[in-house]
Amino acid sequence: MNLTKRNFLTGNQLKIIAALLMVVDHMGLMLYPDIDTFRIIGRLSFPLFAFKIAEGCVYTKNKIKYFSWIFLLGILCQVVFYYVEKSTDLGILITFSFSILLCYLLEYLKKTLFSKEKGILIKFLLVIAFVFSIYATYLFNQKYYVDYGFWGCVLPLFACLFRTVKSNGKEYLKSLDHNFIHVILFGIGLYILSLDIGYVQMYSMWALPLLLLYSGKRGKWRMKWFFYIFYPAHFVLLALAQQLFF
């Protein structure tokens, strides 16, 4: 991945920005629903997190553990959502759980397609399985409400399309594994998502300049546990503020 001096934002910095924007968004949702400015500013949070989910799927050493943490935290948050809002709508971590599984399947599909050991039939069946998984995700979103819907679930896939694939002891797609290309493809998916949700979501496109400044580096601080704790904690604090002051 070729970097320039203009790529100065680390992954941790992007997550911190996304977390702060998420707080603003949820303040608008829970405390100031009549003020659109909070929700407009908060539109930038989801794409930043979605892009980092794609990164996590590619670089995590333990794929099962990565998925499990997101999914279990999502279930925990669903319990909190139901207690506070009495809502059975599925939150953003469930959206990202779908995303992670689809990204894993896409990575395995690419490895298989480039493999010289796998036959045509196996490759064909795996393509069918991948298409079916996308369609199953669409059907699930038609029956149940999942935050950001079908296009939210598949958005990280756009950032995974041209990631380097290792197969047969060789690296494929390496020449296309560039942050600029990932962000452009991701932007296409984000634009489709924005069209699907509505005009307010169009403000999320302003997240793309931030992603273009991404260095591809995690950063010096180890902040994984902070983000796992921060997400449910900020909801609890906002819910308390809602009960006490509003």
C-alpha atoms as a PDB file:
ATOM      1  CA  MET A   1       0.000   0.000   0.000  1.00  0.00           C
ATOM      2  CA  ASN A   2       1.617   3.228  -1.184  1.00  0.00           C
ATOM      3  CA  LEU A   3       1.366   6.061   1.335  1.00  0.00           C
ATOM      4  CA  THR A   4       2.095   9.762   1.141  1.00  0.00           C
ATOM      5  CA  LYS A   5       2.628  12.399   3.796  1.00  0.00           C
ATOM      6  CA  ARG A   6      -1.014  13.328   3.346  1.00  0.00           C
ATOM      7  CA  ASN A   7      -2.044   9.961   4.814  1.00  0.00           C
ATOM      8  CA  PHE A   8      -1.604  10.863   8.459  1.00  0.00           C
ATOM      9  CA  LEU A   9      -4.710   9.501  10.201  1.00  0.00           C
ATOM     10  CA  THR A  10      -4.213   6.187  11.993  1.00  0.00           C
ATOM     11  CA  GLY A  11      -6.882   3.562  12.477  1.00  0.00           C
ATOM     12  CA  ASN A  12      -7.203   4.473  16.147  1.00  0.00           C
ATOM     13  CA  GLN A  13      -7.696   8.134  15.289  1.00  0.00           C
ATOM     14  CA  LEU A  14     -10.408   7.246  12.785  1.00  0.00           C
ATOM     15  CA  LYS A  15     -12.163   5.155  15.427  1.00  0.00           C
ATOM     16  CA  ILE A  16     -11.967   7.972  17.988  1.00  0.00           C
ATOM     17  CA  ILE A  17     -13.465  10.395  15.458  1.00  0.00           C
ATOM     18  CA  ALA A  18     -16.170   7.872  14.616  1.00  0.00           C
ATOM     19  CA  ALA A  19     -16.933   7.293  18.314  1.00  0.00           C
ATOM     20  CA  LEU A  20     -17.315  11.010  19.016  1.00  0.00           C
ATOM     21  CA  LEU A  21     -19.539  11.442  15.965  1.00  0.00           C
ATOM     22  CA  MET A  22     -21.593   8.448  17.120  1.00  0.00           C
ATOM     23  CA  VAL A  23     -22.193  10.121  20.488  1.00  0.00           C
ATOM     24  CA  VAL A  24     -23.400  13.254  18.699  1.00  0.00           C
ATOM     25  CA  ASP A  25     -25.681  11.142  16.506  1.00  0.00           C
ATOM     26  CA  HIS A  26     -27.204   9.274  19.439  1.00  0.00           C
ATOM     27  CA  MET A  27     -27.621  12.487  21.423  1.00  0.00           C
ATOM     28  CA  GLY A  28     -29.806  13.662  18.571  1.00  0.00           C
ATOM     29  CA  LEU A  29     -31.652  10.344  18.507  1.00  0.00           C
ATOM     30  CA  MET A  30     -32.307  10.070  22.242  1.00  0.00           C
ATOM     31  CA  LEU A  31     -32.090  13.605  23.677  1.00  0.00           C
ATOM     32  CA  TYR A  32     -32.729  16.110  20.884  1.00  0.00           C
ATOM     33  CA  PRO A  33     -34.880  14.384  18.241  1.00  0.00           C
ATOM     34  CA  ASP A  34     -36.190  17.712  16.910  1.00  0.00           C
ATOM     35  CA  ILE A  35     -32.722  19.047  16.061  1.00  0.00           C
ATOM     36  CA  ASP A  36     -31.548  17.622  12.723  1.00  0.00           C
ATOM     37  CA  THR A  37     -28.004  18.973  13.108  1.00  0.00           C
ATOM     38  CA  PHE A  38     -27.043  16.219  15.549  1.00  0.00           C
ATOM     39  CA  ARG A  39     -28.151  13.486  13.133  1.00  0.00           C
ATOM     40  CA  ILE A  40     -26.500  15.193  10.148  1.00  0.00           C
ATOM     41  CA  ILE A  41     -23.132  15.393  11.928  1.00  0.00           C
ATOM     42  CA  GLY A  42     -23.564  11.837  13.155  1.00  0.00           C
ATOM     43  CA  ARG A  43     -24.005  10.495   9.614  1.00  0.00           C
ATOM     44  CA  LEU A  44     -20.224  10.346   9.267  1.00  0.00           C
ATOM     45  CA  SER A  45     -19.845   7.803  12.064  1.00  0.00           C
ATOM     46  CA  PHE A  46     -21.275   4.692  10.397  1.00  0.00           C
ATOM     47  CA  PRO A  47     -19.097   4.736   7.255  1.00  0.00           C
ATOM     48  CA  LEU A  48     -15.935   5.248   9.323  1.00  0.00           C
ATOM     49  CA  PHE A  49     -16.765   2.240  11.488  1.00  0.00           C
ATOM     50  CA  ALA A  50     -17.871   0.201   8.456  1.00  0.00           C
ATOM     51  CA  PHE A  51     -14.555   0.836   6.721  1.00  0.00           C
ATOM     52  CA  LYS A  52     -12.669  -0.237   9.834  1.00  0.00           C
ATOM     53  CA  ILE A  53     -14.798  -3.389  10.030  1.00  0.00           C
ATOM     54  CA  ALA A  54     -13.550  -4.254   6.540  1.00  0.00           C
ATOM     55  CA  GLU A  55      -9.982  -3.636   7.716  1.00  0.00           C
ATOM     56  CA  GLY A  56     -10.534  -5.802  10.772  1.00  0.00           C
ATOM     57  CA  CYS A  57     -11.793  -8.697   8.637  1.00  0.00           C
ATOM     58  CA  VAL A  58      -8.636  -8.573   6.534  1.00  0.00           C
ATOM     59  CA  TYR A  59      -6.009  -8.155   9.246  1.00  0.00           C
ATOM     60  CA  THR A  60      -7.409  -9.973  12.282  1.00  0.00           C
ATOM     61  CA  LYS A  61      -5.394 -13.040  13.271  1.00  0.00           C
ATOM     62  CA  ASN A  62      -8.347 -14.769  14.919  1.00  0.00           C
ATOM     63  CA  LYS A  63     -11.400 -14.448  12.688  1.00  0.00           C
ATOM     64  CA  ILE A  64     -13.704 -16.445  14.952  1.00  0.00           C
ATOM     65  CA  LYS A  65     -12.786 -14.342  17.983  1.00  0.00           C
ATOM     66  CA  TYR A  66     -13.258 -11.097  16.028  1.00  0.00           C
ATOM     67  CA  PHE A  67     -16.737 -12.091  14.889  1.00  0.00           C
ATOM     68  CA  SER A  68     -17.689 -13.472  18.300  1.00  0.00           C
ATOM     69  CA  TRP A  69     -16.845 -10.256  20.140  1.00  0.00           C
ATOM     70  CA  ILE A  70     -18.868  -8.107  17.731  1.00  0.00           C
ATOM     71  CA  PHE A  71     -21.821 -10.500  17.709  1.00  0.00           C
ATOM     72  CA  LEU A  72     -21.955 -11.089  21.480  1.00  0.00           C
ATOM     73  CA  LEU A  73     -21.627  -7.380  22.169  1.00  0.00           C
ATOM     74  CA  GLY A  74     -24.434  -6.841  19.680  1.00  0.00           C
ATOM     75  CA  ILE A  75     -26.662  -9.260  21.588  1.00  0.00           C
ATOM     76  CA  LEU A  76     -25.832  -7.487  24.869  1.00  0.00           C
ATOM     77  CA  CYS A  77     -26.738  -4.138  23.332  1.00  0.00           C
ATOM     78  CA  GLN A  78     -30.006  -5.582  22.040  1.00  0.00           C
ATOM     79  CA  VAL A  79     -30.963  -6.392  25.636  1.00  0.00           C
ATOM     80  CA  VAL A  80     -30.170  -2.800  26.639  1.00  0.00           C
ATOM     81  CA  PHE A  81     -32.120  -1.423  23.650  1.00  0.00           C
ATOM     82  CA  TYR A  82     -35.150  -3.486  24.571  1.00  0.00           C
ATOM     83  CA  TYR A  83     -34.986  -2.450  28.227  1.00  0.00           C
ATOM     84  CA  VAL A  84     -34.644   1.248  27.388  1.00  0.00           C
ATOM     85  CA  GLU A  85     -36.632   1.631  24.185  1.00  0.00           C
ATOM     86  CA  LYS A  86     -38.780  -1.536  24.228  1.00  0.00           C
ATOM     87  CA  SER A  87     -37.634  -2.041  20.658  1.00  0.00           C
ATOM     88  CA  THR A  88     -36.827  -5.297  18.873  1.00  0.00           C
ATOM     89  CA  ASP A  89     -35.045  -3.511  16.010  1.00  0.00           C
ATOM     90  CA  LEU A  90     -31.584  -4.943  15.405  1.00  0.00           C
ATOM     91  CA  GLY A  91     -28.733  -2.525  16.087  1.00  0.00           C
ATOM     92  CA  ILE A  92     -25.543  -1.640  14.265  1.00  0.00           C
ATOM     93  CA  LEU A  93     -23.432  -4.436  15.765  1.00  0.00           C
ATOM     94  CA  ILE A  94     -25.821  -6.996  14.295  1.00  0.00           C
ATOM     95  CA  THR A  95     -25.410  -5.176  10.979  1.00  0.00           C
ATOM     96  CA  PHE A  96     -21.650  -5.520  11.316  1.00  0.00           C
ATOM     97  CA  SER A  97     -22.000  -9.183  12.294  1.00  0.00           C
ATOM     98  CA  PHE A  98     -23.571  -9.805   8.893  1.00  0.00           C
ATOM     99  CA  SER A  99     -20.801  -7.722   7.306  1.00  0.00           C
ATOM    100  CA  ILE A 100     -18.026  -9.736   8.933  1.00  0.00           C
ATOM    101  CA  LEU A 101     -19.438 -13.082   7.828  1.00  0.00           C
ATOM    102  CA  LEU A 102     -19.867 -11.812   4.268  1.00  0.00           C
ATOM    103  CA  CYS A 103     -16.328 -10.398   4.203  1.00  0.00           C
ATOM    104  CA  TYR A 104     -14.944 -13.735   5.427  1.00  0.00           C
ATOM    105  CA  LEU A 105     -16.842 -15.570   2.716  1.00  0.00           C
ATOM    106  CA  LEU A 106     -15.624 -13.108   0.079  1.00  0.00           C
ATOM    107  CA  GLU A 107     -12.013 -13.621   1.179  1.00  0.00           C
ATOM    108  CA  TYR A 108     -12.380 -17.405   1.002  1.00  0.00           C
ATOM    109  CA  LEU A 109     -14.062 -17.096  -2.396  1.00  0.00           C
ATOM    110  CA  LYS A 110     -11.172 -15.042  -3.792  1.00  0.00           C
ATOM    111  CA  LYS A 111      -8.596 -17.504  -2.441  1.00  0.00           C
ATOM    112  CA  THR A 112     -10.478 -20.372  -4.038  1.00  0.00           C
ATOM    113  CA  LEU A 113     -10.872 -18.635  -7.405  1.00  0.00           C
ATOM    114  CA  PHE A 114      -7.112 -17.978  -7.573  1.00  0.00           C
ATOM    115  CA  SER A 115      -6.240 -21.475  -6.372  1.00  0.00           C
ATOM    116  CA  LYS A 116      -4.811 -23.888  -8.909  1.00  0.00           C
ATOM    117  CA  GLU A 117      -5.735 -26.848  -6.714  1.00  0.00           C
ATOM    118  CA  LYS A 118      -9.496 -26.224  -6.675  1.00  0.00           C
ATOM    119  CA  GLY A 119     -11.542 -27.505  -9.591  1.00  0.00           C
ATOM    120  CA  ILE A 120     -14.036 -25.559 -11.694  1.00  0.00           C
ATOM    121  CA  LEU A 121     -16.988 -27.231  -9.980  1.00  0.00           C
ATOM    122  CA  ILE A 122     -15.812 -26.224  -6.488  1.00  0.00           C
ATOM    123  CA  LYS A 123     -15.242 -22.652  -7.649  1.00  0.00           C
ATOM    124  CA  PHE A 124     -18.657 -22.510  -9.282  1.00  0.00           C
ATOM    125  CA  LEU A 125     -20.411 -23.887  -6.199  1.00  0.00           C
ATOM    126  CA  LEU A 126     -18.632 -21.391  -3.973  1.00  0.00           C
ATOM    127  CA  VAL A 127     -19.702 -18.503  -6.220  1.00  0.00           C
ATOM    128  CA  ILE A 128     -23.283 -19.765  -5.945  1.00  0.00           C
ATOM    129  CA  ALA A 129     -22.928 -19.998  -2.149  1.00  0.00           C
ATOM    130  CA  PHE A 130     -21.615 -16.433  -1.990  1.00  0.00           C
ATOM    131  CA  VAL A 131     -24.461 -15.098  -4.144  1.00  0.00           C
ATOM    132  CA  PHE A 132     -26.955 -17.025  -2.015  1.00  0.00           C
ATOM    133  CA  SER A 133     -25.474 -15.539   1.181  1.00  0.00           C
ATOM    134  CA  ILE A 134     -25.954 -12.045  -0.246  1.00  0.00           C
ATOM    135  CA  TYR A 135     -29.530 -12.899  -1.200  1.00  0.00           C
ATOM    136  CA  ALA A 136     -30.196 -14.438   2.234  1.00  0.00           C
ATOM    137  CA  THR A 137     -28.967 -11.210   3.834  1.00  0.00           C
ATOM    138  CA  TYR A 138     -31.360  -9.272   1.608  1.00  0.00           C
ATOM    139  CA  LEU A 139     -34.290 -11.524   2.560  1.00  0.00           C
ATOM    140  CA  PHE A 140     -33.481 -11.207   6.265  1.00  0.00           C
ATOM    141  CA  ASN A 141     -33.527  -7.432   5.935  1.00  0.00           C
ATOM    142  CA  GLN A 142     -36.880  -7.606   4.222  1.00  0.00           C
ATOM    143  CA  LYS A 143     -38.392  -9.475   7.166  1.00  0.00           C
ATOM    144  CA  TYR A 144     -36.604  -7.825  10.099  1.00  0.00           C
ATOM    145  CA  TYR A 145     -35.368  -4.300  10.722  1.00  0.00           C
ATOM    146  CA  VAL A 146     -31.574  -4.197  10.802  1.00  0.00           C
ATOM    147  CA  ASP A 147     -29.871  -0.840  11.313  1.00  0.00           C
ATOM    148  CA  TYR A 148     -28.861   0.626   7.914  1.00  0.00           C
ATOM    149  CA  GLY A 149     -30.570  -2.252   6.146  1.00  0.00           C
ATOM    150  CA  PHE A 150     -29.226  -4.550   3.442  1.00  0.00           C
ATOM    151  CA  TRP A 151     -26.820  -2.018   1.954  1.00  0.00           C
ATOM    152  CA  GLY A 152     -25.436  -1.311   5.410  1.00  0.00           C
ATOM    153  CA  CYS A 153     -24.694  -5.025   5.834  1.00  0.00           C
ATOM    154  CA  VAL A 154     -22.851  -5.315   2.507  1.00  0.00           C
ATOM    155  CA  LEU A 155     -21.089  -1.904   2.606  1.00  0.00           C
ATOM    156  CA  PRO A 156     -17.776  -3.234   4.059  1.00  0.00           C
ATOM    157  CA  LEU A 157     -17.602  -5.698   1.151  1.00  0.00           C
ATOM    158  CA  PHE A 158     -16.886  -2.803  -1.204  1.00  0.00           C
ATOM    159  CA  ALA A 159     -13.704  -2.035   0.744  1.00  0.00           C
ATOM    160  CA  CYS A 160     -12.645  -5.701   0.645  1.00  0.00           C
ATOM    161  CA  LEU A 161     -12.981  -6.348  -3.087  1.00  0.00           C
ATOM    162  CA  PHE A 162      -9.368  -5.681  -4.080  1.00  0.00           C
ATOM    163  CA  ARG A 163      -7.529  -6.640  -0.913  1.00  0.00           C
ATOM    164  CA  THR A 164      -4.431  -8.759  -1.492  1.00  0.00           C
ATOM    165  CA  VAL A 165      -5.167 -12.484  -1.650  1.00  0.00           C
ATOM    166  CA  LYS A 166      -2.584 -15.145  -0.830  1.00  0.00           C
ATOM    167  CA  SER A 167      -3.046 -18.399  -2.700  1.00  0.00           C
ATOM    168  CA  ASN A 168      -0.642 -21.025  -4.098  1.00  0.00           C
ATOM    169  CA  GLY A 169       2.143 -19.272  -2.195  1.00  0.00           C
ATOM    170  CA  LYS A 170       1.626 -16.148  -4.291  1.00  0.00           C
ATOM    171  CA  GLU A 171      -0.051 -12.767  -3.745  1.00  0.00           C
ATOM    172  CA  TYR A 172      -2.842 -11.671  -6.060  1.00  0.00           C
ATOM    173  CA  LEU A 173      -4.532  -8.262  -6.495  1.00  0.00           C
ATOM    174  CA  LYS A 174      -1.571  -6.621  -4.745  1.00  0.00           C
ATOM    175  CA  SER A 175      -1.296  -3.881  -7.377  1.00  0.00           C
ATOM    176  CA  LEU A 176      -4.905  -2.870  -6.635  1.00  0.00           C
ATOM    177  CA  ASP A 177      -4.540  -3.047  -2.849  1.00  0.00           C
ATOM    178  CA  HIS A 178      -4.351   0.723  -2.365  1.00  0.00           C
ATOM    179  CA  ASN A 179      -6.282   2.895   0.073  1.00  0.00           C
ATOM    180  CA  PHE A 180      -7.439   5.236  -2.704  1.00  0.00           C
ATOM    181  CA  ILE A 181      -9.013   2.342  -4.627  1.00  0.00           C
ATOM    182  CA  HIS A 182     -10.602   0.917  -1.478  1.00  0.00           C
ATOM    183  CA  VAL A 183     -12.125   4.301  -0.608  1.00  0.00           C
ATOM    184  CA  ILE A 184     -13.461   4.866  -4.139  1.00  0.00           C
ATOM    185  CA  LEU A 185     -15.191   1.474  -4.177  1.00  0.00           C
ATOM    186  CA  PHE A 186     -16.412   2.032  -0.642  1.00  0.00           C
ATOM    187  CA  GLY A 187     -17.763   5.418  -1.736  1.00  0.00           C
ATOM    188  CA  ILE A 188     -19.806   3.757  -4.474  1.00  0.00           C
ATOM    189  CA  GLY A 189     -21.396   1.459  -1.897  1.00  0.00           C
ATOM    190  CA  LEU A 190     -21.951   4.367   0.474  1.00  0.00           C
ATOM    191  CA  TYR A 191     -23.673   6.373  -2.261  1.00  0.00           C
ATOM    192  CA  ILE A 192     -26.019   3.450  -3.010  1.00  0.00           C
ATOM    193  CA  LEU A 193     -26.761   3.146   0.714  1.00  0.00           C
ATOM    194  CA  SER A 194     -27.488   6.879   0.903  1.00  0.00           C
ATOM    195  CA  LEU A 195     -29.903   6.678  -2.015  1.00  0.00           C
ATOM    196  CA  ASP A 196     -31.669   3.777  -0.314  1.00  0.00           C
ATOM    197  CA  ILE A 197     -32.045   5.462   3.090  1.00  0.00           C
ATOM    198  CA  GLY A 198     -32.733   9.064   2.093  1.00  0.00           C
ATOM    199  CA  TYR A 199     -31.294  12.534   1.716  1.00  0.00           C
ATOM    200  CA  VAL A 200     -29.997  12.920   5.296  1.00  0.00           C
ATOM    201  CA  GLN A 201     -27.739   9.914   4.781  1.00  0.00           C
ATOM    202  CA  MET A 202     -26.092  11.738   1.880  1.00  0.00           C
ATOM    203  CA  TYR A 203     -24.133  13.701   4.477  1.00  0.00           C
ATOM    204  CA  SER A 204     -22.271  10.466   5.226  1.00  0.00           C
ATOM    205  CA  MET A 205     -20.339  10.990   1.975  1.00  0.00           C
ATOM    206  CA  TRP A 206     -18.266  13.578   3.858  1.00  0.00           C
ATOM    207  CA  ALA A 207     -16.599  10.653   5.607  1.00  0.00           C
ATOM    208  CA  LEU A 208     -14.718   9.819   2.404  1.00  0.00           C
ATOM    209  CA  PRO A 209     -12.153  12.672   2.696  1.00  0.00           C
ATOM    210  CA  LEU A 210     -11.284  11.396   6.176  1.00  0.00           C
ATOM    211  CA  LEU A 211     -10.808   7.876   4.817  1.00  0.00           C
ATOM    212  CA  LEU A 212      -8.544   9.203   2.065  1.00  0.00           C
ATOM    213  CA  LEU A 213      -6.276  10.539   4.830  1.00  0.00           C
ATOM    214  CA  TYR A 214      -6.014   7.082   6.430  1.00  0.00           C
ATOM    215  CA  SER A 215      -2.421   5.860   6.699  1.00  0.00           C
ATOM    216  CA  GLY A 216      -3.244   2.164   6.890  1.00  0.00           C
ATOM    217  CA  LYS A 217      -1.533   1.989  10.294  1.00  0.00           C
ATOM    218  CA  ARG A 218      -3.267   1.098  13.553  1.00  0.00           C
ATOM    219  CA  GLY A 219      -1.483   3.655  15.702  1.00  0.00           C
ATOM    220  CA  LYS A 220       0.654   3.322  18.816  1.00  0.00           C
ATOM    221  CA  TRP A 221      -2.141   2.863  21.339  1.00  0.00           C
ATOM    222  CA  ARG A 222      -3.853  -0.478  21.884  1.00  0.00           C
ATOM    223  CA  MET A 223      -7.477   0.615  22.122  1.00  0.00           C
ATOM    224  CA  LYS A 224      -9.451  -2.491  21.164  1.00  0.00           C
ATOM    225  CA  TRP A 225     -11.030  -2.961  24.588  1.00  0.00           C
ATOM    226  CA  PHE A 226     -11.871   0.730  24.831  1.00  0.00           C
ATOM    227  CA  PHE A 227     -14.154   0.529  21.817  1.00  0.00           C
ATOM    228  CA  TYR A 228     -15.805  -2.690  22.998  1.00  0.00           C
ATOM    229  CA  ILE A 229     -16.626  -0.989  26.306  1.00  0.00           C
ATOM    230  CA  PHE A 230     -17.381   2.464  24.893  1.00  0.00           C
ATOM    231  CA  TYR A 231     -20.267   1.413  22.648  1.00  0.00           C
ATOM    232  CA  PRO A 232     -22.643  -0.035  25.287  1.00  0.00           C
ATOM    233  CA  ALA A 233     -21.417   2.416  27.960  1.00  0.00           C
ATOM    234  CA  HIS A 234     -22.321   5.523  25.993  1.00  0.00           C
ATOM    235  CA  PHE A 235     -25.836   4.159  25.413  1.00  0.00           C
ATOM    236  CA  VAL A 236     -26.294   3.547  29.128  1.00  0.00           C
ATOM    237  CA  LEU A 237     -25.142   7.088  29.961  1.00  0.00           C
ATOM    238  CA  LEU A 238     -27.428   8.624  27.344  1.00  0.00           C
ATOM    239  CA  ALA A 239     -30.333   6.535  28.575  1.00  0.00           C
ATOM    240  CA  LEU A 240     -29.717   7.761  32.141  1.00  0.00           C
ATOM    241  CA  ALA A 241     -29.575  11.365  30.899  1.00  0.00           C
ATOM    242  CA  GLN A 242     -32.801  10.792  29.009  1.00  0.00           C
ATOM    243  CA  GLN A 243     -34.542   9.500  32.138  1.00  0.00           C
ATOM    244  CA  LEU A 244     -33.162  12.148  34.483  1.00  0.00           C
ATOM    245  CA  PHE A 245     -33.264  15.339  32.448  1.00  0.00           C
ATOM    246  CA  PHE A 246     -35.679  14.881  29.539  1.00  0.00           C
END
